[in-house]
Amino acid sequence: MTDTETTTATPEPGSPDARVERQVRRIAKHIERFTAAHGGGGDAVVEYVGRDATRIVLVGADGAWGDQVVRNRDIARAAIVKAGVTLHEEFPNELAAKVRTTEYEWSRMAGLQLGGAQG
């Protein structure tokens, strides 16, 4: 019988796994701050943006919404779970109805639609 080596779940400092874990913790803290500022709790949807980008859309308990673009889907999902936010696989109608769109978003949408100034 051979001896087996016990491994720990903590990644070596500087390793790719350690960098990913730091990213997950940092993003989770952003999510936690957002949800705390908007009634506690919240919902999140992960959307594909491109090969190297994934968008996290957050909806707070008060209907406020925000988003953050991160490196990939696995990091996004791990951060959402770590933050304790409900993760949806798609954007359900009930969640869309809960979103509170402010005057800022309406003016941006109207400006883009009517050929107005961007930025």
C-alpha atoms as a PDB file:
ATOM      1  CA  MET A   1       0.000   0.000   0.000  1.00  0.00           C
ATOM      2  CA  THR A   2       1.323   3.486  -0.819  1.00  0.00           C
ATOM      3  CA  ASP A   3       1.088   6.566   1.304  1.00  0.00           C
ATOM      4  CA  THR A   4      -1.297   9.242   0.127  1.00  0.00           C
ATOM      5  CA  GLU A   5      -0.568  12.911   0.427  1.00  0.00           C
ATOM      6  CA  THR A   6      -3.170  15.095   2.061  1.00  0.00           C
ATOM      7  CA  THR A   7      -3.848  18.284   0.162  1.00  0.00           C
ATOM      8  CA  THR A   8      -5.463  21.420   1.448  1.00  0.00           C
ATOM      9  CA  ALA A   9      -8.160  23.446  -0.255  1.00  0.00           C
ATOM     10  CA  THR A  10      -6.159  26.656   0.185  1.00  0.00           C
ATOM     11  CA  PRO A  11      -4.341  27.573  -3.022  1.00  0.00           C
ATOM     12  CA  GLU A  12      -0.669  28.572  -2.957  1.00  0.00           C
ATOM     13  CA  PRO A  13      -0.173  32.357  -2.855  1.00  0.00           C
ATOM     14  CA  GLY A  14       0.488  33.646  -6.357  1.00  0.00           C
ATOM     15  CA  SER A  15      -0.987  30.567  -8.039  1.00  0.00           C
ATOM     16  CA  PRO A  16      -3.722  30.960 -10.667  1.00  0.00           C
ATOM     17  CA  ASP A  17      -6.216  29.452  -8.210  1.00  0.00           C
ATOM     18  CA  ALA A  18      -5.280  32.020  -5.555  1.00  0.00           C
ATOM     19  CA  ARG A  19      -5.755  34.862  -8.052  1.00  0.00           C
ATOM     20  CA  VAL A  20      -9.175  33.538  -9.045  1.00  0.00           C
ATOM     21  CA  GLU A  21     -10.203  33.212  -5.393  1.00  0.00           C
ATOM     22  CA  ARG A  22      -9.152  36.833  -4.747  1.00  0.00           C
ATOM     23  CA  GLN A  23     -11.203  37.965  -7.746  1.00  0.00           C
ATOM     24  CA  VAL A  24     -14.226  36.020  -6.500  1.00  0.00           C
ATOM     25  CA  ARG A  25     -13.919  37.568  -3.019  1.00  0.00           C
ATOM     26  CA  ARG A  26     -13.514  41.094  -4.437  1.00  0.00           C
ATOM     27  CA  ILE A  27     -16.532  40.761  -6.743  1.00  0.00           C
ATOM     28  CA  ALA A  28     -18.613  39.176  -3.958  1.00  0.00           C
ATOM     29  CA  LYS A  29     -17.851  42.199  -1.740  1.00  0.00           C
ATOM     30  CA  HIS A  30     -19.097  44.541  -4.486  1.00  0.00           C
ATOM     31  CA  ILE A  31     -22.283  42.475  -4.760  1.00  0.00           C
ATOM     32  CA  GLU A  32     -22.753  42.486  -0.973  1.00  0.00           C
ATOM     33  CA  ARG A  33     -22.352  46.285  -0.836  1.00  0.00           C
ATOM     34  CA  PHE A  34     -24.891  46.726  -3.627  1.00  0.00           C
ATOM     35  CA  THR A  35     -27.483  44.485  -1.981  1.00  0.00           C
ATOM     36  CA  ALA A  36     -26.944  46.097   1.436  1.00  0.00           C
ATOM     37  CA  ALA A  37     -27.533  49.534  -0.097  1.00  0.00           C
ATOM     38  CA  HIS A  38     -30.719  48.358  -1.808  1.00  0.00           C
ATOM     39  CA  GLY A  39     -32.744  46.603   0.848  1.00  0.00           C
ATOM     40  CA  GLY A  40     -30.646  43.500   1.520  1.00  0.00           C
ATOM     41  CA  GLY A  41     -30.901  40.324  -0.487  1.00  0.00           C
ATOM     42  CA  GLY A  42     -31.279  40.493  -4.198  1.00  0.00           C
ATOM     43  CA  ASP A  43     -31.205  38.624  -7.451  1.00  0.00           C
ATOM     44  CA  ALA A  44     -28.548  38.147 -10.101  1.00  0.00           C
ATOM     45  CA  VAL A  45     -28.460  37.011 -13.707  1.00  0.00           C
ATOM     46  CA  VAL A  46     -25.257  36.094 -15.542  1.00  0.00           C
ATOM     47  CA  GLU A  47     -25.148  37.106 -19.209  1.00  0.00           C
ATOM     48  CA  TYR A  48     -22.608  36.242 -21.891  1.00  0.00           C
ATOM     49  CA  VAL A  49     -20.929  39.371 -23.277  1.00  0.00           C
ATOM     50  CA  GLY A  50     -18.051  37.918 -25.251  1.00  0.00           C
ATOM     51  CA  ARG A  51     -15.216  35.446 -25.209  1.00  0.00           C
ATOM     52  CA  ASP A  52     -13.483  37.171 -22.297  1.00  0.00           C
ATOM     53  CA  ALA A  53     -16.382  38.882 -20.549  1.00  0.00           C
ATOM     54  CA  THR A  54     -19.481  38.019 -18.572  1.00  0.00           C
ATOM     55  CA  ARG A  55     -21.997  40.519 -17.209  1.00  0.00           C
ATOM     56  CA  ILE A  56     -23.563  40.178 -13.779  1.00  0.00           C
ATOM     57  CA  VAL A  57     -26.907  42.005 -13.615  1.00  0.00           C
ATOM     58  CA  LEU A  58     -27.993  42.661 -10.026  1.00  0.00           C
ATOM     59  CA  VAL A  59     -31.473  43.630  -8.877  1.00  0.00           C
ATOM     60  CA  GLY A  60     -31.810  44.820  -5.294  1.00  0.00           C
ATOM     61  CA  ALA A  61     -34.815  44.221  -3.043  1.00  0.00           C
ATOM     62  CA  ASP A  62     -35.933  47.803  -3.758  1.00  0.00           C
ATOM     63  CA  GLY A  63     -35.857  47.276  -7.543  1.00  0.00           C
ATOM     64  CA  ALA A  64     -32.639  49.215  -8.130  1.00  0.00           C
ATOM     65  CA  TRP A  65     -30.351  47.515 -10.586  1.00  0.00           C
ATOM     66  CA  GLY A  66     -26.694  47.557 -11.442  1.00  0.00           C
ATOM     67  CA  ASP A  67     -24.236  45.495 -13.379  1.00  0.00           C
ATOM     68  CA  GLN A  68     -20.626  44.472 -13.380  1.00  0.00           C
ATOM     69  CA  VAL A  69     -18.546  42.899 -16.124  1.00  0.00           C
ATOM     70  CA  VAL A  70     -16.151  40.163 -15.020  1.00  0.00           C
ATOM     71  CA  ARG A  71     -13.691  37.838 -16.726  1.00  0.00           C
ATOM     72  CA  ASN A  72     -15.749  34.683 -17.079  1.00  0.00           C
ATOM     73  CA  ARG A  73     -18.928  32.858 -16.144  1.00  0.00           C
ATOM     74  CA  ASP A  74     -17.350  30.642 -13.471  1.00  0.00           C
ATOM     75  CA  ILE A  75     -15.962  33.635 -11.577  1.00  0.00           C
ATOM     76  CA  ALA A  76     -19.304  35.442 -11.868  1.00  0.00           C
ATOM     77  CA  ARG A  77     -21.295  32.478 -10.591  1.00  0.00           C
ATOM     78  CA  ALA A  78     -18.869  31.810  -7.720  1.00  0.00           C
ATOM     79  CA  ALA A  79     -19.019  35.463  -6.606  1.00  0.00           C
ATOM     80  CA  ILE A  80     -22.819  35.482  -6.687  1.00  0.00           C
ATOM     81  CA  VAL A  81     -23.006  32.311  -4.601  1.00  0.00           C
ATOM     82  CA  LYS A  82     -20.381  33.648  -2.163  1.00  0.00           C
ATOM     83  CA  ALA A  83     -22.391  36.877  -1.758  1.00  0.00           C
ATOM     84  CA  GLY A  84     -25.554  34.898  -0.972  1.00  0.00           C
ATOM     85  CA  VAL A  85     -27.607  36.385  -3.796  1.00  0.00           C
ATOM     86  CA  THR A  86     -30.240  34.381  -5.687  1.00  0.00           C
ATOM     87  CA  LEU A  87     -28.806  33.318  -9.044  1.00  0.00           C
ATOM     88  CA  HIS A  88     -31.179  32.995 -12.004  1.00  0.00           C
ATOM     89  CA  GLU A  89     -30.187  31.126 -15.157  1.00  0.00           C
ATOM     90  CA  GLU A  90     -32.186  33.550 -17.274  1.00  0.00           C
ATOM     91  CA  PHE A  91     -33.917  36.882 -16.668  1.00  0.00           C
ATOM     92  CA  PRO A  92     -37.420  35.843 -15.493  1.00  0.00           C
ATOM     93  CA  ASN A  93     -40.430  38.079 -16.166  1.00  0.00           C
ATOM     94  CA  GLU A  94     -41.034  38.521 -12.429  1.00  0.00           C
ATOM     95  CA  LEU A  95     -37.527  39.913 -11.991  1.00  0.00           C
ATOM     96  CA  ALA A  96     -37.846  42.214 -15.007  1.00  0.00           C
ATOM     97  CA  ALA A  97     -41.109  43.575 -13.566  1.00  0.00           C
ATOM     98  CA  LYS A  98     -39.326  44.297 -10.276  1.00  0.00           C
ATOM     99  CA  VAL A  99     -36.621  46.474 -11.912  1.00  0.00           C
ATOM    100  CA  ARG A 100     -37.059  50.169 -11.187  1.00  0.00           C
ATOM    101  CA  THR A 101     -35.828  52.170 -14.155  1.00  0.00           C
ATOM    102  CA  THR A 102     -34.813  55.707 -13.241  1.00  0.00           C
ATOM    103  CA  GLU A 103     -35.015  58.918 -15.236  1.00  0.00           C
ATOM    104  CA  TYR A 104     -31.324  58.508 -16.082  1.00  0.00           C
ATOM    105  CA  GLU A 105     -31.880  55.202 -17.887  1.00  0.00           C
ATOM    106  CA  TRP A 106     -34.940  56.534 -19.710  1.00  0.00           C
ATOM    107  CA  SER A 107     -33.011  59.573 -20.940  1.00  0.00           C
ATOM    108  CA  ARG A 108     -30.109  57.396 -22.092  1.00  0.00           C
ATOM    109  CA  MET A 109     -32.436  55.047 -23.962  1.00  0.00           C
ATOM    110  CA  ALA A 110     -34.340  57.915 -25.582  1.00  0.00           C
ATOM    111  CA  GLY A 111     -31.135  59.718 -26.539  1.00  0.00           C
ATOM    112  CA  LEU A 112     -29.661  56.638 -28.174  1.00  0.00           C
ATOM    113  CA  GLN A 113     -32.905  55.856 -29.954  1.00  0.00           C
ATOM    114  CA  LEU A 114     -33.346  59.388 -31.264  1.00  0.00           C
ATOM    115  CA  GLY A 115     -29.710  59.785 -32.274  1.00  0.00           C
ATOM    116  CA  GLY A 116     -28.929  62.010 -29.310  1.00  0.00           C
ATOM    117  CA  ALA A 117     -25.547  62.520 -27.733  1.00  0.00           C
ATOM    118  CA  GLN A 118     -23.908  59.463 -26.242  1.00  0.00           C
ATOM    119  CA  GLY A 119     -22.005  59.734 -22.998  1.00  0.00           C
END
